[in-house]
C-alpha atoms as a PDB file:
ATOM      1  CA  MET A   1       0.032   0.040   0.023  1.00  0.00           C
ATOM      2  CA  ALA A   2       1.060   3.361  -0.899  1.00  0.00           C
ATOM      3  CA  GLY A   3       2.369   5.541   1.646  1.00  0.00           C
ATOM      4  CA  LEU A   4       3.209   3.359   4.295  1.00  0.00           C
ATOM      5  CA  SER A   5       6.923   3.085   3.865  1.00  0.00           C
ATOM      6  CA  THR A   6       8.713   5.527   6.483  1.00  0.00           C
ATOM      7  CA  ARG A   7      12.565   6.540   6.502  1.00  0.00           C
ATOM      8  CA  GLY A   8      13.549   3.758   4.006  1.00  0.00           C
ATOM      9  CA  MET A   9      11.354   1.004   5.565  1.00  0.00           C
ATOM     10  CA  PHE A  10       9.005  -0.804   3.340  1.00  0.00           C
ATOM     11  CA  ALA A  11       5.596  -1.930   5.088  1.00  0.00           C
ATOM     12  CA  THR A  12       5.469  -5.528   5.882  1.00  0.00           C
ATOM     13  CA  GLU A  13       2.442  -7.773   4.858  1.00  0.00           C
ATOM     14  CA  CYS A  14       1.105  -7.181   8.520  1.00  0.00           C
ATOM     15  CA  GLU A  15       1.227  -3.548   8.283  1.00  0.00           C
ATOM     16  CA  ILE A  16      -0.592  -3.506   4.694  1.00  0.00           C
ATOM     17  CA  ARG A  17      -3.282  -5.752   6.589  1.00  0.00           C
ATOM     18  CA  ALA A  18      -3.481  -3.180   9.544  1.00  0.00           C
ATOM     19  CA  ALA A  19      -3.630  -0.141   7.425  1.00  0.00           C
ATOM     20  CA  ARG A  20      -6.696  -1.553   5.172  1.00  0.00           C
ATOM     21  CA  TRP A  21      -8.442  -2.825   8.383  1.00  0.00           C
ATOM     22  CA  ALA A  22      -7.989   0.601   9.759  1.00  0.00           C
ATOM     23  CA  GLN A  23      -9.473   2.286   6.564  1.00  0.00           C
ATOM     24  CA  ARG A  24     -12.137  -0.106   6.344  1.00  0.00           C
ATOM     25  CA  LYS A  25     -13.474   0.696   9.909  1.00  0.00           C
ATOM     26  CA  LEU A  26     -12.501   4.370  10.328  1.00  0.00           C
ATOM     27  CA  GLY A  27     -13.224   5.746   6.847  1.00  0.00           C
ATOM     28  CA  CYS A  28      -9.920   7.413   6.756  1.00  0.00           C
ATOM     29  CA  SER A  29      -6.398   6.721   8.150  1.00  0.00           C
ATOM     30  CA  LEU A  30      -4.616  10.129   7.816  1.00  0.00           C
ATOM     31  CA  HIS A  31      -3.977  10.413  11.596  1.00  0.00           C
ATOM     32  CA  GLU A  32      -2.841   7.055  11.947  1.00  0.00           C
ATOM     33  CA  ARG A  33      -0.221   7.443   9.247  1.00  0.00           C
ATOM     34  CA  ARG A  34       0.936  10.786  10.757  1.00  0.00           C
ATOM     35  CA  VAL A  35       1.334   9.035  14.074  1.00  0.00           C
ATOM     36  CA  LEU A  36       3.339   6.210  12.067  1.00  0.00           C
ATOM     37  CA  SER A  37       5.808   8.598  10.995  1.00  0.00           C
ATOM     38  CA  ASN A  38       6.305  10.430  14.179  1.00  0.00           C
ATOM     39  CA  ALA A  39       6.520   7.240  15.951  1.00  0.00           C
ATOM     40  CA  SER A  40       9.089   6.195  13.342  1.00  0.00           C
ATOM     41  CA  LYS A  41      11.404   9.238  14.156  1.00  0.00           C
ATOM     42  CA  LEU A  42      10.899   9.031  17.845  1.00  0.00           C
ATOM     43  CA  PHE A  43      12.198   5.476  17.783  1.00  0.00           C
ATOM     44  CA  ASP A  44      15.321   6.086  15.602  1.00  0.00           C
ATOM     45  CA  LEU A  45      16.167   8.744  18.281  1.00  0.00           C
ATOM     46  CA  THR A  46      15.459   7.006  21.459  1.00  0.00           C
ATOM     47  CA  ARG A  47      16.326   3.229  20.364  1.00  0.00           C
ATOM     48  CA  PRO A  48      19.822   3.394  21.760  1.00  0.00           C
ATOM     49  CA  VAL A  49      18.703   4.699  25.099  1.00  0.00           C
ATOM     50  CA  LEU A  50      15.631   2.290  25.505  1.00  0.00           C
ATOM     51  CA  GLY A  51      17.595  -0.808  24.040  1.00  0.00           C
ATOM     52  CA  LEU A  52      14.922  -1.293  21.468  1.00  0.00           C
ATOM     53  CA  GLY A  53      15.122  -3.492  18.498  1.00  0.00           C
ATOM     54  CA  MET A  54      13.375  -4.542  15.131  1.00  0.00           C
ATOM     55  CA  ALA A  55      10.482  -6.481  17.133  1.00  0.00           C
ATOM     56  CA  GLU A  56       9.426  -3.367  19.207  1.00  0.00           C
ATOM     57  CA  ASN A  57       9.689  -1.296  16.029  1.00  0.00           C
ATOM     58  CA  ARG A  58       7.340  -3.766  14.370  1.00  0.00           C
ATOM     59  CA  LEU A  59       4.846  -3.442  17.179  1.00  0.00           C
ATOM     60  CA  LEU A  60       5.149   0.323  17.195  1.00  0.00           C
ATOM     61  CA  ARG A  61       4.580   0.741  13.723  1.00  0.00           C
ATOM     62  CA  LEU A  62       1.311  -1.674  13.899  1.00  0.00           C
ATOM     63  CA  SER A  63       0.223   0.115  16.913  1.00  0.00           C
ATOM     64  CA  ALA A  64       0.402   3.364  15.192  1.00  0.00           C
ATOM     65  CA  LEU A  65      -1.895   2.108  12.428  1.00  0.00           C
ATOM     66  CA  VAL A  66      -4.453   0.538  14.820  1.00  0.00           C
ATOM     67  CA  HIS A  67      -4.436   2.326  17.945  1.00  0.00           C
ATOM     68  CA  ASP A  68      -7.727   4.401  17.122  1.00  0.00           C
ATOM     69  CA  ILE A  69      -9.702   1.483  15.437  1.00  0.00           C
ATOM     70  CA  GLY A  70     -12.361   1.540  18.525  1.00  0.00           C
ATOM     71  CA  ARG A  71     -13.478   4.828  17.486  1.00  0.00           C
ATOM     72  CA  SER A  72     -15.386   2.857  14.989  1.00  0.00           C
ATOM     73  CA  VAL A  73     -17.388   1.886  18.010  1.00  0.00           C
ATOM     74  CA  SER A  74     -17.177   4.514  20.552  1.00  0.00           C
ATOM     75  CA  GLU A  75     -15.308   7.714  20.769  1.00  0.00           C
ATOM     76  CA  LYS A  76     -15.345   8.014  24.543  1.00  0.00           C
ATOM     77  CA  ASN A  77     -14.199   4.499  25.090  1.00  0.00           C
ATOM     78  CA  HIS A  78     -12.182   3.829  21.927  1.00  0.00           C
ATOM     79  CA  PRO A  79      -8.928   2.392  23.964  1.00  0.00           C
ATOM     80  CA  GLU A  80     -10.869  -0.203  25.404  1.00  0.00           C
ATOM     81  CA  GLU A  81     -12.997  -0.992  22.550  1.00  0.00           C
ATOM     82  CA  GLY A  82     -10.048  -0.995  20.200  1.00  0.00           C
ATOM     83  CA  ALA A  83      -8.042  -3.552  22.386  1.00  0.00           C
ATOM     84  CA  ALA A  84     -11.158  -6.094  22.509  1.00  0.00           C
ATOM     85  CA  MET A  85     -11.408  -5.606  18.408  1.00  0.00           C
ATOM     86  CA  ILE A  86      -7.718  -6.541  18.110  1.00  0.00           C
ATOM     87  CA  MET A  87      -8.109  -9.792  20.413  1.00  0.00           C
ATOM     88  CA  GLY A  88     -10.935 -10.773  18.325  1.00  0.00           C
ATOM     89  CA  THR A  89     -10.459  -9.844  14.996  1.00  0.00           C
ATOM     90  CA  THR A  90      -9.271 -12.387  12.016  1.00  0.00           C
ATOM     91  CA  ALA A  91      -8.231  -9.469   9.984  1.00  0.00           C
ATOM     92  CA  LEU A  92      -4.752  -9.471  11.411  1.00  0.00           C
ATOM     93  CA  ALA A  93      -2.426 -12.589  11.220  1.00  0.00           C
ATOM     94  CA  LEU A  94      -0.891 -12.147  14.646  1.00  0.00           C
ATOM     95  CA  SER A  95       0.863 -14.949  17.149  1.00  0.00           C
ATOM     96  CA  PRO A  96      -0.833 -15.116  20.376  1.00  0.00           C
ATOM     97  CA  MET A  97       1.967 -12.746  22.288  1.00  0.00           C
ATOM     98  CA  ASP A  98       1.976 -10.182  19.325  1.00  0.00           C
ATOM     99  CA  ARG A  99      -2.000  -9.868  19.764  1.00  0.00           C
ATOM    100  CA  ARG A 100      -1.667  -9.233  23.342  1.00  0.00           C
ATOM    101  CA  ALA A 101       1.171  -6.796  22.855  1.00  0.00           C
ATOM    102  CA  LEU A 102      -0.856  -4.872  20.363  1.00  0.00           C
ATOM    103  CA  ALA A 103      -3.946  -4.965  22.387  1.00  0.00           C
ATOM    104  CA  PHE A 104      -2.199  -3.579  25.238  1.00  0.00           C
ATOM    105  CA  LEU A 105      -0.589  -0.955  23.153  1.00  0.00           C
ATOM    106  CA  THR A 106      -3.991   0.255  22.012  1.00  0.00           C
ATOM    107  CA  ARG A 107      -5.817  -0.025  25.538  1.00  0.00           C
ATOM    108  CA  TYR A 108      -2.955   2.255  26.998  1.00  0.00           C
ATOM    109  CA  HIS A 109      -2.257   4.773  24.392  1.00  0.00           C
ATOM    110  CA  ARG A 110      -4.658   7.426  26.132  1.00  0.00           C
ATOM    111  CA  GLY A 111      -5.137   7.495  29.701  1.00  0.00           C
ATOM    112  CA  ALA A 112      -3.696   6.113  32.858  1.00  0.00           C
ATOM    113  CA  VAL A 113      -1.117   3.456  32.611  1.00  0.00           C
ATOM    114  CA  PRO A 114      -1.349   0.928  35.554  1.00  0.00           C
ATOM    115  CA  PRO A 115       1.795  -0.122  37.398  1.00  0.00           C
ATOM    116  CA  PRO A 116       3.630  -3.233  35.942  1.00  0.00           C
ATOM    117  CA  HIS A 117       1.718  -6.392  36.256  1.00  0.00           C
ATOM    118  CA  SER A 118      -1.345  -4.639  36.494  1.00  0.00           C
ATOM    119  CA  GLU A 119      -1.798  -4.370  32.779  1.00  0.00           C
ATOM    120  CA  ASP A 120      -4.976  -5.702  31.011  1.00  0.00           C
ATOM    121  CA  PHE A 121      -3.936  -8.445  28.407  1.00  0.00           C
ATOM    122  CA  LEU A 122      -0.138  -8.994  29.093  1.00  0.00           C
ATOM    123  CA  ARG A 123       0.875 -12.374  30.857  1.00  0.00           C
ATOM    124  CA  PRO A 124       3.786 -13.070  33.046  1.00  0.00           C
ATOM    125  CA  ALA A 125       5.831 -14.437  30.091  1.00  0.00           C
ATOM    126  CA  ASP A 126       5.421 -11.269  28.019  1.00  0.00           C
ATOM    127  CA  ALA A 127       8.252  -8.764  27.717  1.00  0.00           C
ATOM    128  CA  ARG A 128       6.863  -5.528  29.753  1.00  0.00           C
ATOM    129  CA  VAL A 129       9.822  -3.433  29.887  1.00  0.00           C
ATOM    130  CA  PRO A 130      10.188  -3.213  26.257  1.00  0.00           C
ATOM    131  CA  LEU A 131       6.549  -2.925  25.265  1.00  0.00           C
ATOM    132  CA  ARG A 132       6.077  -0.229  28.174  1.00  0.00           C
ATOM    133  CA  SER A 133       8.941   1.705  26.167  1.00  0.00           C
ATOM    134  CA  VAL A 134       7.109   1.048  23.054  1.00  0.00           C
ATOM    135  CA  LEU A 135       3.740   2.602  24.346  1.00  0.00           C
ATOM    136  CA  ALA A 136       5.797   5.596  25.665  1.00  0.00           C
ATOM    137  CA  ILE A 137       6.784   6.368  22.323  1.00  0.00           C
ATOM    138  CA  LEU A 138       3.147   5.786  20.817  1.00  0.00           C
ATOM    139  CA  ARG A 139       1.753   8.077  23.334  1.00  0.00           C
ATOM    140  CA  VAL A 140       3.813  10.959  22.570  1.00  0.00           C
ATOM    141  CA  ALA A 141       3.358  10.184  18.643  1.00  0.00           C
ATOM    142  CA  ASP A 142      -0.448  10.554  18.814  1.00  0.00           C
ATOM    143  CA  ALA A 143      -0.125  13.539  21.363  1.00  0.00           C
ATOM    144  CA  LEU A 144       1.411  15.316  18.399  1.00  0.00           C
ATOM    145  CA  ASP A 145      -1.034  14.727  15.597  1.00  0.00           C
ATOM    146  CA  SER A 146      -3.785  16.712  17.217  1.00  0.00           C
ATOM    147  CA  ARG A 147      -6.847  17.244  15.008  1.00  0.00           C
ATOM    148  CA  ARG A 148      -7.029  20.528  15.917  1.00  0.00           C
ATOM    149  CA  ILE A 149      -3.745  21.494  14.554  1.00  0.00           C
ATOM    150  CA  ILE A 150      -3.722  21.510  10.610  1.00  0.00           C
ATOM    151  CA  SER A 151      -0.650  19.990   9.357  1.00  0.00           C
ATOM    152  CA  PRO A 152       2.088  20.677  11.699  1.00  0.00           C
ATOM    153  CA  LYS A 153       5.630  20.405  10.435  1.00  0.00           C
ATOM    154  CA  LEU A 154       7.566  18.319  13.007  1.00  0.00           C
ATOM    155  CA  SER A 155      11.223  17.925  13.743  1.00  0.00           C
ATOM    156  CA  PHE A 156      13.047  15.776  16.336  1.00  0.00           C
ATOM    157  CA  ALA A 157      16.222  15.812  18.092  1.00  0.00           C
ATOM    158  CA  MET A 158      18.088  14.711  20.785  1.00  0.00           C
ATOM    159  CA  SER A 159      20.002  17.986  21.784  1.00  0.00           C
ATOM    160  CA  GLY A 160      22.206  17.595  24.870  1.00  0.00           C
ATOM    161  CA  ASP A 161      20.290  16.081  27.914  1.00  0.00           C
ATOM    162  CA  GLU A 162      16.653  16.728  26.259  1.00  0.00           C
ATOM    163  CA  LEU A 163      14.747  15.474  23.613  1.00  0.00           C
ATOM    164  CA  LEU A 164      13.539  18.483  21.668  1.00  0.00           C
ATOM    165  CA  ILE A 165      10.449  18.569  19.518  1.00  0.00           C
ATOM    166  CA  ARG A 166       9.898  21.525  16.924  1.00  0.00           C
ATOM    167  CA  CYS A 167       6.545  22.253  15.552  1.00  0.00           C
ATOM    168  CA  GLN A 168       5.971  24.696  12.774  1.00  0.00           C
ATOM    169  CA  VAL A 169       2.458  25.617  12.214  1.00  0.00           C
ATOM    170  CA  ASP A 170       0.874  27.893   9.765  1.00  0.00           C
ATOM    171  CA  GLY A 171      -2.484  28.605  11.507  1.00  0.00           C
ATOM    172  CA  ASP A 172      -3.648  29.016  14.895  1.00  0.00           C
ATOM    173  CA  TYR A 173      -0.447  29.648  16.832  1.00  0.00           C
ATOM    174  CA  ARG A 174      -2.265  30.045  20.272  1.00  0.00           C
ATOM    175  CA  ALA A 175      -4.072  26.830  19.996  1.00  0.00           C
ATOM    176  CA  ALA A 176      -1.046  25.081  19.019  1.00  0.00           C
ATOM    177  CA  ARG A 177       0.764  26.159  22.093  1.00  0.00           C
ATOM    178  CA  ARG A 178      -2.220  25.175  24.029  1.00  0.00           C
ATOM    179  CA  VAL A 179      -2.267  21.643  22.471  1.00  0.00           C
ATOM    180  CA  TYR A 180       1.281  21.015  22.617  1.00  0.00           C
ATOM    181  CA  GLY A 181       1.613  22.556  26.010  1.00  0.00           C
ATOM    182  CA  ARG A 182       0.003  19.287  27.777  1.00  0.00           C
ATOM    183  CA  ARG A 183       2.375  17.272  29.332  1.00  0.00           C
ATOM    184  CA  LYS A 184       0.559  13.996  30.344  1.00  0.00           C
ATOM    185  CA  LYS A 185       1.181  11.843  27.251  1.00  0.00           C
ATOM    186  CA  PHE A 186       5.051  13.109  27.491  1.00  0.00           C
ATOM    187  CA  LEU A 187       5.567  12.234  31.030  1.00  0.00           C
ATOM    188  CA  MET A 188       6.111   8.218  30.566  1.00  0.00           C
ATOM    189  CA  LEU A 189       8.720   8.749  27.846  1.00  0.00           C
ATOM    190  CA  GLU A 190      10.229  11.293  29.766  1.00  0.00           C
ATOM    191  CA  THR A 191      10.667   9.094  32.755  1.00  0.00           C
ATOM    192  CA  LEU A 192      11.888   6.142  30.782  1.00  0.00           C
ATOM    193  CA  LEU A 193      14.569   8.201  28.971  1.00  0.00           C
ATOM    194  CA  GLY A 194      15.595  10.231  32.292  1.00  0.00           C
ATOM    195  CA  THR A 195      15.489  13.365  30.164  1.00  0.00           C
ATOM    196  CA  PRO A 196      12.908  16.042  29.657  1.00  0.00           C
ATOM    197  CA  ILE A 197      10.981  16.663  26.543  1.00  0.00           C
ATOM    198  CA  ASN A 198      10.558  20.112  25.276  1.00  0.00           C
ATOM    199  CA  VAL A 199       7.860  21.119  22.846  1.00  0.00           C
ATOM    200  CA  GLU A 200       8.951  24.294  20.892  1.00  0.00           C
ATOM    201  CA  VAL A 201       5.924  25.856  18.778  1.00  0.00           C
ATOM    202  CA  VAL A 202       7.060  28.385  15.925  1.00  0.00           C
ATOM    203  CA  ARG A 203       5.196  30.190  13.269  1.00  0.00           C
ATOM    204  CA  ASP A 204       5.776  29.332   9.812  1.00  0.00           C
ATOM    205  CA  GLU A 205       7.099  32.936   9.007  1.00  0.00           C
ATOM    206  CA  SER A 206       9.808  32.476  11.911  1.00  0.00           C
ATOM    207  CA  LEU A 207      11.431  29.895  10.149  1.00  0.00           C
ATOM    208  CA  VAL A 208      11.454  31.559   7.072  1.00  0.00           C
ATOM    209  CA  GLU A 209      13.064  34.835   8.421  1.00  0.00           C
ATOM    210  CA  ALA A 210      15.658  32.781  10.175  1.00  0.00           C
END
C-alpha cells in the first residue's frame, strides 16, 4: 500500500493488512499514518537509550496504524473497544503474544497506565519492559498529531540532555501552544529516557526569516 514506508522501511504484509483494516473501519487513516511517521522518527532517536530492536519497531508501527480502531465503535471508550477488537479480529495475522502486545498498546495509548503486572492483556512471560517503552513512544507520537492543528511540520532531535521537538504551524499559533503544552502523554517517555521532552512551537514565518 502506497504511503506506508517510512525512513526507508517498507511496509510488511501485516502492516498493509493493519492499514487496510483501519481504513475500512474508520473511513480515513490519515491520522494513523502521521502517527506512524512521528513514531518512527522518535523510535530512531530513542532506540539506543531504551534498548529497543526490530521486534519493538514492528509492534510500534502496527500500533500506530490501529491504535484508534475503537473509534469505529465508541469515541469515549475507544482504547478499550479497540483493544477488544484486536483480540477478536481475524483481519490481522498475529501470534498470540503479538496480539496481546498490540491490544495492550491500543488499550493504554490514552489515559492512565497502570503499574507493571497490573495491565490488561499481558501475561507474566510477556516482555513488559520493552513494551512499556514502545507504549511511551506511541503516546507521544499520538499526542503530536492533534486533530485541532492542521498539518504541523515536526522535527525531532536529541540535543544535550533533552529531546527537542519543534512544531512549525501555519495556522492558529495560540491553539497549537495550548495543544502541545499538555504534558501528560509525554511523562512516561520522559521518565524512561531520564531526560525532559521540550516542545517548541514556532510560526511558519519565524522559520522563513531565520
